[in-house]
Each structure stands twice: as structure tokens, then as C-alpha cells.
Amino acid sequence: MKPLDDLDTATLRSVQFLLSDIDDTMTDRGRMPSSTLNAMERLSNAGVYVIPVTGRPAGWCDYFARMWPVAGIVGENGAFWFSYDRETRKMRSAFARSESQRAVDRKRLDILQKKILEAVPGAGIASDQFCRVADLAIDFCEDVEPLPTNHVNKIVQLFEGAGAAAKISSIHVNGWFGDYDKLSMTRRFLADMFDVDVDADNGTCVFAGDSPNDEPMFKHFAHSVGVANIKQFKLEHPPAWVTTGASAAGFSELADRILEVR
């Protein structure tokens, strides 16, 4: 990972879309500072489309899409995208799985929930689970005492043993049924809303993240940036660049670098 200062001016000028994780990338110790909201607003006003790409639930994402200065949002690790049209006051959306598929998935996840909580002492159900439409979020450090790494890995193994996908964020292990992830739904969102091909137009995007569930994005986007706290993880596909600041400070650092060349 190279220092963000090494990201050249020509690359920064080509950026049209800033894709970013939320927890511990835009936030700091669970809070959204005014600096992040200010950065999103300044980017939006400068013509850069901000698109959070998160593991957070549908209920939260509806709010984010409506209230934040963003072009849209990808939620639950790629289960859907939302985009609020402020002129028509209509929410547009697309889902990776049909409503009937999600109903079947939920029954399977309910069985897994019980199994995981019995097998992994100290694990909890994420406090935002009631807002979710497609996945099961197991809390390992947000509202519970931090679990050791082997317990977190056990949660992943239980998901995968049942045929589910599982990704570790900075706070949760998210599990779901279906062949999708953050990248697949980001690809669909940019194609649906902007007619952008994230393969052919890769250079128009920068992705910022902080944890292992961001690896598909780090791997795909040539201009991938980790906020400094990414250094705590050993990744097969790390970001190309890393900020000096951690969490929200790192996000603002990246926003400032993009804005100073426009």
C-alpha cells in the first residue's frame, strides 16, 4: 500500500464516483462526524457522485439515501441499491434476490442464528438486525465485548458450512444466501443509474474502505484506498493506497485530495 500522497493529480482529476464503506471508514468509533457530512456535501457540489457501499441494513440505507448528499447507496453487502430522486421524491431500488427468495432465505438464516449463538459464546445479534431484508448480522464487537479472532472465524465457518456467504466487517460477521457481494451490486447500480461499466470505466471510480469485507472492491478498482485502520488486517487483496488518518479522518483526507485538484 502506497501513501495517499502518491496518488497522482491526473488520476484524481478523472474521478467521477467516490465509492465508500461507512463503518470505520466514514465514521469514527461509531459516530458520524460533521467532517464526513461536510466532505460528502463538498464532493457532491463539485460534481463527484458519492455512493456508500455498506453492510448496514435496508432500514438505515433508506434513510441515508434520502437524507445524505449521496447519489445512491449499496447496502447489506450487495443485497440491494437505493437511490432517492429529490425531484420526483421517489425512491428507486433494485435487489439481488426476489422477495420470495428472501423469504426462504430468512427461514434458513433464522435456523443459523440459533446455531451460531449456541456455538459461539459472547456473540450477539446486531442491534440493527430488525432493519435487515436479506442477511444475518452477528455482532462480535459493536454492542458486545470483543470476541477473539478464533470465535469470529468460527462464525464464518458456521455460515459457510450451511452454504451461506460470509464476510467480516470491522464490527459484524454478515451472512447471506445468494451469489452477490458489494462489487456485483455496485456494478449493477452504476450501470442502471449512470450507464457506467465498472470494468471499462474503472478509472472514473475511487473506492475507500477499512476491512476484509471490502476486499472485492479493493481487488477490482485500480484506485482503491484504505483508511489507516486497514493496516490491522492481513488481506489477500489490499488497497493500492492508504491514508495517513484513520477512519473518518482518512475519509476526509481522501475527499480533500480529490477536491484540491478540481
C-alpha atoms as a PDB file:
ATOM      1  CA  MET A   1       0.000   0.000   0.000  1.00  0.00           C
ATOM      2  CA  LYS A   2       1.391   3.370  -1.058  1.00  0.00           C
ATOM      3  CA  PRO A   3       0.751   6.660   0.783  1.00  0.00           C
ATOM      4  CA  LEU A   4      -2.274   8.562  -0.497  1.00  0.00           C
ATOM      5  CA  ASP A   5       0.017  11.494  -1.309  1.00  0.00           C
ATOM      6  CA  ASP A   6       1.475   9.337  -4.099  1.00  0.00           C
ATOM      7  CA  LEU A   7      -1.895   9.236  -5.895  1.00  0.00           C
ATOM      8  CA  ASP A   8      -1.218  11.464  -8.887  1.00  0.00           C
ATOM      9  CA  THR A   9      -3.142  14.552  -9.918  1.00  0.00           C
ATOM     10  CA  ALA A  10      -4.229  13.171 -13.300  1.00  0.00           C
ATOM     11  CA  THR A  11      -5.859  10.185 -11.604  1.00  0.00           C
ATOM     12  CA  LEU A  12      -7.632  12.363  -9.067  1.00  0.00           C
ATOM     13  CA  ARG A  13      -8.974  14.633 -11.813  1.00  0.00           C
ATOM     14  CA  SER A  14     -10.529  11.623 -13.557  1.00  0.00           C
ATOM     15  CA  VAL A  15     -12.609  10.661 -10.507  1.00  0.00           C
ATOM     16  CA  GLN A  16     -16.364  10.898 -11.058  1.00  0.00           C
ATOM     17  CA  PHE A  17     -17.518   8.447  -8.382  1.00  0.00           C
ATOM     18  CA  LEU A  18     -16.337   8.085  -4.798  1.00  0.00           C
ATOM     19  CA  LEU A  19     -17.490   4.709  -3.509  1.00  0.00           C
ATOM     20  CA  SER A  20     -17.015   4.196   0.207  1.00  0.00           C
ATOM     21  CA  ASP A  21     -17.687   1.852   3.065  1.00  0.00           C
ATOM     22  CA  ILE A  22     -19.369   3.513   6.063  1.00  0.00           C
ATOM     23  CA  ASP A  23     -18.422   1.937   9.407  1.00  0.00           C
ATOM     24  CA  ASP A  24     -14.888   2.883  10.465  1.00  0.00           C
ATOM     25  CA  THR A  25     -14.311   4.473   7.056  1.00  0.00           C
ATOM     26  CA  MET A  26     -16.777   7.371   7.175  1.00  0.00           C
ATOM     27  CA  THR A  27     -17.366   7.043  10.907  1.00  0.00           C
ATOM     28  CA  ASP A  28     -15.126   7.290  13.953  1.00  0.00           C
ATOM     29  CA  ARG A  29     -15.780   4.946  16.889  1.00  0.00           C
ATOM     30  CA  GLY A  30     -19.402   4.520  15.825  1.00  0.00           C
ATOM     31  CA  ARG A  31     -20.147   8.212  15.244  1.00  0.00           C
ATOM     32  CA  MET A  32     -20.607  10.150  12.021  1.00  0.00           C
ATOM     33  CA  PRO A  33     -18.619  13.378  12.477  1.00  0.00           C
ATOM     34  CA  SER A  34     -19.624  16.626  10.812  1.00  0.00           C
ATOM     35  CA  SER A  35     -16.376  16.473   8.812  1.00  0.00           C
ATOM     36  CA  THR A  36     -17.674  13.436   6.891  1.00  0.00           C
ATOM     37  CA  LEU A  37     -21.027  15.018   6.078  1.00  0.00           C
ATOM     38  CA  ASN A  38     -19.209  18.184   5.037  1.00  0.00           C
ATOM     39  CA  ALA A  39     -16.865  16.173   2.808  1.00  0.00           C
ATOM     40  CA  MET A  40     -19.790  14.398   1.129  1.00  0.00           C
ATOM     41  CA  GLU A  41     -21.556  17.706   0.521  1.00  0.00           C
ATOM     42  CA  ARG A  42     -18.448  19.373  -0.914  1.00  0.00           C
ATOM     43  CA  LEU A  43     -17.817  16.420  -3.212  1.00  0.00           C
ATOM     44  CA  SER A  44     -21.427  16.409  -4.393  1.00  0.00           C
ATOM     45  CA  ASN A  45     -21.330  20.165  -5.057  1.00  0.00           C
ATOM     46  CA  ALA A  46     -18.117  19.669  -7.045  1.00  0.00           C
ATOM     47  CA  GLY A  47     -19.771  17.102  -9.295  1.00  0.00           C
ATOM     48  CA  VAL A  48     -18.346  13.952  -7.681  1.00  0.00           C
ATOM     49  CA  TYR A  49     -21.018  11.313  -7.043  1.00  0.00           C
ATOM     50  CA  VAL A  50     -20.705   9.833  -3.540  1.00  0.00           C
ATOM     51  CA  ILE A  51     -22.017   6.279  -3.184  1.00  0.00           C
ATOM     52  CA  PRO A  52     -21.728   4.487   0.179  1.00  0.00           C
ATOM     53  CA  VAL A  53     -21.239   0.730  -0.180  1.00  0.00           C
ATOM     54  CA  THR A  54     -22.003  -0.844   3.175  1.00  0.00           C
ATOM     55  CA  GLY A  55     -23.044  -3.863   5.187  1.00  0.00           C
ATOM     56  CA  ARG A  56     -25.607  -1.759   7.018  1.00  0.00           C
ATOM     57  CA  PRO A  57     -29.309  -2.678   6.753  1.00  0.00           C
ATOM     58  CA  ALA A  58     -32.080  -1.647   4.388  1.00  0.00           C
ATOM     59  CA  GLY A  59     -33.843   0.474   7.009  1.00  0.00           C
ATOM     60  CA  TRP A  60     -30.752   2.566   7.593  1.00  0.00           C
ATOM     61  CA  CYS A  61     -29.933   2.735   3.881  1.00  0.00           C
ATOM     62  CA  ASP A  62     -33.369   4.160   3.082  1.00  0.00           C
ATOM     63  CA  TYR A  63     -32.594   6.995   5.492  1.00  0.00           C
ATOM     64  CA  PHE A  64     -29.053   7.514   4.188  1.00  0.00           C
ATOM     65  CA  ALA A  65     -30.245   7.665   0.566  1.00  0.00           C
ATOM     66  CA  ARG A  66     -32.895  10.243   1.454  1.00  0.00           C
ATOM     67  CA  MET A  67     -31.013  12.432   3.904  1.00  0.00           C
ATOM     68  CA  TRP A  68     -27.350  12.389   2.927  1.00  0.00           C
ATOM     69  CA  PRO A  69     -25.823  14.220  -0.070  1.00  0.00           C
ATOM     70  CA  VAL A  70     -25.280  10.964  -1.968  1.00  0.00           C
ATOM     71  CA  ALA A  71     -26.192   9.652  -5.412  1.00  0.00           C
ATOM     72  CA  GLY A  72     -27.317   6.320  -4.014  1.00  0.00           C
ATOM     73  CA  ILE A  73     -26.271   3.529  -1.699  1.00  0.00           C
ATOM     74  CA  VAL A  74     -25.447  -0.180  -1.903  1.00  0.00           C
ATOM     75  CA  GLY A  75     -26.478  -1.995   1.274  1.00  0.00           C
ATOM     76  CA  GLU A  76     -26.307  -5.296   3.138  1.00  0.00           C
ATOM     77  CA  ASN A  77     -23.078  -6.184   1.323  1.00  0.00           C
ATOM     78  CA  GLY A  78     -24.678  -6.026  -2.102  1.00  0.00           C
ATOM     79  CA  ALA A  79     -28.227  -7.192  -1.431  1.00  0.00           C
ATOM     80  CA  PHE A  80     -29.708  -4.035  -2.991  1.00  0.00           C
ATOM     81  CA  TRP A  81     -29.187  -0.488  -4.141  1.00  0.00           C
ATOM     82  CA  PHE A  82     -31.334   2.546  -3.276  1.00  0.00           C
ATOM     83  CA  SER A  83     -31.297   5.957  -4.923  1.00  0.00           C
ATOM     84  CA  TYR A  84     -33.616   8.792  -3.938  1.00  0.00           C
ATOM     85  CA  ASP A  85     -34.805  11.136  -6.706  1.00  0.00           C
ATOM     86  CA  ARG A  86     -35.197  14.504  -4.996  1.00  0.00           C
ATOM     87  CA  GLU A  87     -37.148  16.000  -7.889  1.00  0.00           C
ATOM     88  CA  THR A  88     -39.839  13.328  -8.022  1.00  0.00           C
ATOM     89  CA  ARG A  89     -39.484  12.382  -4.340  1.00  0.00           C
ATOM     90  CA  LYS A  90     -39.363   8.726  -5.338  1.00  0.00           C
ATOM     91  CA  MET A  91     -37.031   6.014  -4.084  1.00  0.00           C
ATOM     92  CA  ARG A  92     -35.593   3.833  -6.826  1.00  0.00           C
ATOM     93  CA  SER A  93     -34.222   0.420  -5.915  1.00  0.00           C
ATOM     94  CA  ALA A  94     -33.050  -2.967  -7.143  1.00  0.00           C
ATOM     95  CA  PHE A  95     -32.478  -6.218  -5.257  1.00  0.00           C
ATOM     96  CA  ALA A  96     -30.126  -9.135  -5.883  1.00  0.00           C
ATOM     97  CA  ARG A  97     -32.773 -11.674  -4.761  1.00  0.00           C
ATOM     98  CA  SER A  98     -36.528 -11.690  -5.277  1.00  0.00           C
ATOM     99  CA  GLU A  99     -38.917 -11.133  -2.390  1.00  0.00           C
ATOM    100  CA  SER A 100     -39.896 -14.821  -2.425  1.00  0.00           C
ATOM    101  CA  GLN A 101     -36.250 -15.890  -2.412  1.00  0.00           C
ATOM    102  CA  ARG A 102     -35.536 -13.583   0.518  1.00  0.00           C
ATOM    103  CA  ALA A 103     -38.435 -15.112   2.469  1.00  0.00           C
ATOM    104  CA  VAL A 104     -36.967 -18.590   2.034  1.00  0.00           C
ATOM    105  CA  ASP A 105     -33.513 -17.280   2.886  1.00  0.00           C
ATOM    106  CA  ARG A 106     -34.818 -15.725   6.101  1.00  0.00           C
ATOM    107  CA  LYS A 107     -36.095 -19.075   7.378  1.00  0.00           C
ATOM    108  CA  ARG A 108     -32.679 -20.614   6.771  1.00  0.00           C
ATOM    109  CA  LEU A 109     -30.952 -17.673   8.442  1.00  0.00           C
ATOM    110  CA  ASP A 110     -33.217 -17.960  11.478  1.00  0.00           C
ATOM    111  CA  ILE A 111     -32.018 -21.541  11.931  1.00  0.00           C
ATOM    112  CA  LEU A 112     -28.411 -20.400  11.538  1.00  0.00           C
ATOM    113  CA  GLN A 113     -28.904 -17.593  14.046  1.00  0.00           C
ATOM    114  CA  LYS A 114     -29.833 -20.056  16.778  1.00  0.00           C
ATOM    115  CA  LYS A 115     -26.991 -22.394  15.850  1.00  0.00           C
ATOM    116  CA  ILE A 116     -24.365 -19.628  15.881  1.00  0.00           C
ATOM    117  CA  LEU A 117     -25.444 -18.132  19.193  1.00  0.00           C
ATOM    118  CA  GLU A 118     -25.339 -21.572  20.814  1.00  0.00           C
ATOM    119  CA  ALA A 119     -21.930 -22.401  19.351  1.00  0.00           C
ATOM    120  CA  VAL A 120     -20.129 -19.094  19.904  1.00  0.00           C
ATOM    121  CA  PRO A 121     -20.339 -17.748  23.477  1.00  0.00           C
ATOM    122  CA  GLY A 122     -20.455 -13.966  23.643  1.00  0.00           C
ATOM    123  CA  ALA A 123     -21.679 -13.452  20.077  1.00  0.00           C
ATOM    124  CA  GLY A 124     -24.817 -11.390  19.661  1.00  0.00           C
ATOM    125  CA  ILE A 125     -27.349 -10.393  17.056  1.00  0.00           C
ATOM    126  CA  ALA A 126     -26.559  -6.985  15.610  1.00  0.00           C
ATOM    127  CA  SER A 127     -28.763  -4.264  17.069  1.00  0.00           C
ATOM    128  CA  ASP A 128     -29.774  -3.246  13.535  1.00  0.00           C
ATOM    129  CA  GLN A 129     -30.930  -6.749  12.554  1.00  0.00           C
ATOM    130  CA  PHE A 130     -34.615  -5.742  12.700  1.00  0.00           C
ATOM    131  CA  CYS A 131     -33.951  -3.363   9.785  1.00  0.00           C
ATOM    132  CA  ARG A 132     -32.465  -6.049   7.512  1.00  0.00           C
ATOM    133  CA  VAL A 133     -34.127  -7.641   4.490  1.00  0.00           C
ATOM    134  CA  ALA A 134     -31.533 -10.110   3.213  1.00  0.00           C
ATOM    135  CA  ASP A 135     -28.811 -11.045   5.683  1.00  0.00           C
ATOM    136  CA  LEU A 136     -27.972 -12.044   9.238  1.00  0.00           C
ATOM    137  CA  ALA A 137     -25.514  -9.819  11.092  1.00  0.00           C
ATOM    138  CA  ILE A 138     -23.663 -11.339  14.036  1.00  0.00           C
ATOM    139  CA  ASP A 139     -22.148  -8.758  16.358  1.00  0.00           C
ATOM    140  CA  PHE A 140     -18.638  -9.510  17.590  1.00  0.00           C
ATOM    141  CA  CYS A 141     -17.599  -6.113  18.959  1.00  0.00           C
ATOM    142  CA  GLU A 142     -20.126  -3.319  18.360  1.00  0.00           C
ATOM    143  CA  ASP A 143     -22.514  -3.864  21.293  1.00  0.00           C
ATOM    144  CA  VAL A 144     -20.883  -6.945  22.815  1.00  0.00           C
ATOM    145  CA  GLU A 145     -17.489  -7.463  24.386  1.00  0.00           C
ATOM    146  CA  PRO A 146     -14.947  -8.036  21.592  1.00  0.00           C
ATOM    147  CA  LEU A 147     -14.621 -11.687  20.641  1.00  0.00           C
ATOM    148  CA  PRO A 148     -11.265 -13.377  19.995  1.00  0.00           C
ATOM    149  CA  THR A 149     -10.303 -13.980  16.386  1.00  0.00           C
ATOM    150  CA  ASN A 150     -10.915 -17.720  16.588  1.00  0.00           C
ATOM    151  CA  HIS A 151     -14.523 -17.089  17.659  1.00  0.00           C
ATOM    152  CA  VAL A 152     -15.044 -14.688  14.756  1.00  0.00           C
ATOM    153  CA  ASN A 153     -13.615 -17.289  12.393  1.00  0.00           C
ATOM    154  CA  LYS A 154     -15.958 -19.889  13.908  1.00  0.00           C
ATOM    155  CA  ILE A 155     -18.939 -17.706  12.977  1.00  0.00           C
ATOM    156  CA  VAL A 156     -17.687 -17.536   9.393  1.00  0.00           C
ATOM    157  CA  GLN A 157     -17.243 -21.314   9.321  1.00  0.00           C
ATOM    158  CA  LEU A 158     -20.806 -21.888  10.545  1.00  0.00           C
ATOM    159  CA  PHE A 159     -22.220 -19.633   7.834  1.00  0.00           C
ATOM    160  CA  GLU A 160     -20.138 -21.251   5.106  1.00  0.00           C
ATOM    161  CA  GLY A 161     -20.898 -24.739   6.393  1.00  0.00           C
ATOM    162  CA  ALA A 162     -24.589 -24.021   5.785  1.00  0.00           C
ATOM    163  CA  GLY A 163     -23.916 -22.847   2.237  1.00  0.00           C
ATOM    164  CA  ALA A 164     -24.105 -19.133   3.019  1.00  0.00           C
ATOM    165  CA  ALA A 165     -21.674 -16.400   2.051  1.00  0.00           C
ATOM    166  CA  ALA A 166     -19.966 -14.699   4.993  1.00  0.00           C
ATOM    167  CA  LYS A 167     -17.944 -11.501   5.255  1.00  0.00           C
ATOM    168  CA  ILE A 168     -16.175  -9.950   8.225  1.00  0.00           C
ATOM    169  CA  SER A 169     -16.575  -6.204   8.712  1.00  0.00           C
ATOM    170  CA  SER A 170     -14.992  -4.139  11.457  1.00  0.00           C
ATOM    171  CA  ILE A 171     -17.949  -4.914  13.765  1.00  0.00           C
ATOM    172  CA  HIS A 172     -20.076  -7.772  12.360  1.00  0.00           C
ATOM    173  CA  VAL A 173     -19.930 -11.032  10.508  1.00  0.00           C
ATOM    174  CA  ASN A 174     -22.596 -10.773   7.824  1.00  0.00           C
ATOM    175  CA  GLY A 175     -24.005 -13.916   6.266  1.00  0.00           C
ATOM    176  CA  TRP A 176     -26.457 -14.381   3.402  1.00  0.00           C
ATOM    177  CA  PHE A 177     -27.657 -16.785   0.741  1.00  0.00           C
ATOM    178  CA  GLY A 178     -27.073 -15.781  -2.854  1.00  0.00           C
ATOM    179  CA  ASP A 179     -24.245 -15.135  -5.261  1.00  0.00           C
ATOM    180  CA  TYR A 180     -23.653 -11.422  -4.738  1.00  0.00           C
ATOM    181  CA  ASP A 181     -21.335  -9.055  -2.914  1.00  0.00           C
ATOM    182  CA  LYS A 182     -20.507  -5.367  -2.684  1.00  0.00           C
ATOM    183  CA  LEU A 183     -18.876  -5.356  -6.104  1.00  0.00           C
ATOM    184  CA  SER A 184     -21.664  -7.106  -8.003  1.00  0.00           C
ATOM    185  CA  MET A 185     -24.320  -4.667  -6.795  1.00  0.00           C
ATOM    186  CA  THR A 186     -22.048  -1.642  -7.266  1.00  0.00           C
ATOM    187  CA  ARG A 187     -21.576  -2.804 -10.847  1.00  0.00           C
ATOM    188  CA  ARG A 188     -25.353  -3.040 -11.273  1.00  0.00           C
ATOM    189  CA  PHE A 189     -26.039   0.335  -9.657  1.00  0.00           C
ATOM    190  CA  LEU A 190     -23.560   2.236 -11.825  1.00  0.00           C
ATOM    191  CA  ALA A 191     -24.882   0.518 -14.958  1.00  0.00           C
ATOM    192  CA  ASP A 192     -28.546   1.125 -14.055  1.00  0.00           C
ATOM    193  CA  MET A 193     -28.245   4.731 -12.920  1.00  0.00           C
ATOM    194  CA  PHE A 194     -25.261   6.114 -14.838  1.00  0.00           C
ATOM    195  CA  ASP A 195     -24.744   3.721 -17.761  1.00  0.00           C
ATOM    196  CA  VAL A 196     -21.212   3.194 -16.457  1.00  0.00           C
ATOM    197  CA  ASP A 197     -19.324  -0.066 -16.935  1.00  0.00           C
ATOM    198  CA  VAL A 198     -17.059  -0.520 -13.912  1.00  0.00           C
ATOM    199  CA  ASP A 199     -14.693  -2.627 -15.995  1.00  0.00           C
ATOM    200  CA  ALA A 200     -14.331  -0.291 -18.964  1.00  0.00           C
ATOM    201  CA  ASP A 201     -14.644   2.864 -16.839  1.00  0.00           C
ATOM    202  CA  ASN A 202     -12.705   1.615 -13.809  1.00  0.00           C
ATOM    203  CA  GLY A 203     -10.567   4.744 -13.691  1.00  0.00           C
ATOM    204  CA  THR A 204     -13.541   7.013 -13.039  1.00  0.00           C
ATOM    205  CA  CYS A 205     -14.047   5.408  -9.607  1.00  0.00           C
ATOM    206  CA  VAL A 206     -12.225   5.528  -6.300  1.00  0.00           C
ATOM    207  CA  PHE A 207     -13.198   3.105  -3.546  1.00  0.00           C
ATOM    208  CA  ALA A 208     -12.441   3.684   0.145  1.00  0.00           C
ATOM    209  CA  GLY A 209     -12.717   1.005   2.823  1.00  0.00           C
ATOM    210  CA  ASP A 210     -11.314  -0.378   6.037  1.00  0.00           C
ATOM    211  CA  SER A 211     -11.984  -4.102   6.499  1.00  0.00           C
ATOM    212  CA  PRO A 212     -11.936  -7.598   4.940  1.00  0.00           C
ATOM    213  CA  ASN A 213     -15.446  -7.338   3.501  1.00  0.00           C
ATOM    214  CA  ASP A 214     -14.097  -4.579   1.242  1.00  0.00           C
ATOM    215  CA  GLU A 215     -11.638  -6.927  -0.487  1.00  0.00           C
ATOM    216  CA  PRO A 216     -13.782  -7.497  -3.629  1.00  0.00           C
ATOM    217  CA  MET A 217     -13.764  -3.719  -4.119  1.00  0.00           C
ATOM    218  CA  PHE A 218     -10.061  -3.334  -3.328  1.00  0.00           C
ATOM    219  CA  LYS A 219      -9.279  -6.078  -5.827  1.00  0.00           C
ATOM    220  CA  HIS A 220     -11.413  -4.688  -8.645  1.00  0.00           C
ATOM    221  CA  PHE A 221     -10.804  -0.942  -8.507  1.00  0.00           C
ATOM    222  CA  ALA A 222      -7.386   0.257  -9.595  1.00  0.00           C
ATOM    223  CA  HIS A 223      -7.876   3.368  -7.479  1.00  0.00           C
ATOM    224  CA  SER A 224      -8.638   1.710  -4.143  1.00  0.00           C
ATOM    225  CA  VAL A 225      -7.844   3.474  -0.868  1.00  0.00           C
ATOM    226  CA  GLY A 226      -7.733   2.118   2.656  1.00  0.00           C
ATOM    227  CA  VAL A 227      -8.111   4.403   5.630  1.00  0.00           C
ATOM    228  CA  ALA A 228      -5.196   3.885   8.028  1.00  0.00           C
ATOM    229  CA  ASN A 229      -7.002   1.370  10.251  1.00  0.00           C
ATOM    230  CA  ILE A 230      -6.933  -1.118   7.351  1.00  0.00           C
ATOM    231  CA  LYS A 231      -3.375  -1.898   8.477  1.00  0.00           C
ATOM    232  CA  GLN A 232      -4.683  -4.082  11.315  1.00  0.00           C
ATOM    233  CA  PHE A 233      -5.862  -6.707   8.802  1.00  0.00           C
ATOM    234  CA  LYS A 234      -3.847  -9.124   6.706  1.00  0.00           C
ATOM    235  CA  LEU A 235      -5.544  -9.053   3.306  1.00  0.00           C
ATOM    236  CA  GLU A 236      -5.019 -11.104   0.192  1.00  0.00           C
ATOM    237  CA  HIS A 237      -6.120  -8.085  -1.863  1.00  0.00           C
ATOM    238  CA  PRO A 238      -5.150  -4.878  -0.015  1.00  0.00           C
ATOM    239  CA  PRO A 239      -5.939  -1.390  -1.338  1.00  0.00           C
ATOM    240  CA  ALA A 240      -3.452   0.356  -3.602  1.00  0.00           C
ATOM    241  CA  TRP A 241      -3.158   3.411  -1.369  1.00  0.00           C
ATOM    242  CA  VAL A 242      -3.603   4.175   2.315  1.00  0.00           C
ATOM    243  CA  THR A 243      -4.428   7.407   4.124  1.00  0.00           C
ATOM    244  CA  THR A 244      -2.471   8.912   6.998  1.00  0.00           C
ATOM    245  CA  GLY A 245      -5.636   9.371   9.042  1.00  0.00           C
ATOM    246  CA  ALA A 246      -7.738   6.549  10.421  1.00  0.00           C
ATOM    247  CA  SER A 247     -11.490   6.116   9.944  1.00  0.00           C
ATOM    248  CA  ALA A 248     -13.389   9.375   9.312  1.00  0.00           C
ATOM    249  CA  ALA A 249     -10.192  11.437   9.302  1.00  0.00           C
ATOM    250  CA  GLY A 250      -8.914   9.245   6.481  1.00  0.00           C
ATOM    251  CA  PHE A 251     -12.135   9.671   4.503  1.00  0.00           C
ATOM    252  CA  SER A 252     -11.893  13.466   4.807  1.00  0.00           C
ATOM    253  CA  GLU A 253      -8.236  13.260   3.779  1.00  0.00           C
ATOM    254  CA  LEU A 254      -9.230  11.428   0.598  1.00  0.00           C
ATOM    255  CA  ALA A 255     -12.055  13.884  -0.121  1.00  0.00           C
ATOM    256  CA  ASP A 256      -9.678  16.813   0.292  1.00  0.00           C
ATOM    257  CA  ARG A 257      -7.185  15.257  -2.148  1.00  0.00           C
ATOM    258  CA  ILE A 258      -9.921  14.794  -4.760  1.00  0.00           C
ATOM    259  CA  LEU A 259     -11.295  18.303  -4.276  1.00  0.00           C
ATOM    260  CA  GLU A 260      -7.987  20.166  -4.299  1.00  0.00           C
ATOM    261  CA  VAL A 261      -7.372  19.235  -7.960  1.00  0.00           C
ATOM    262  CA  ARG A 262     -10.842  20.097  -9.259  1.00  0.00           C
END
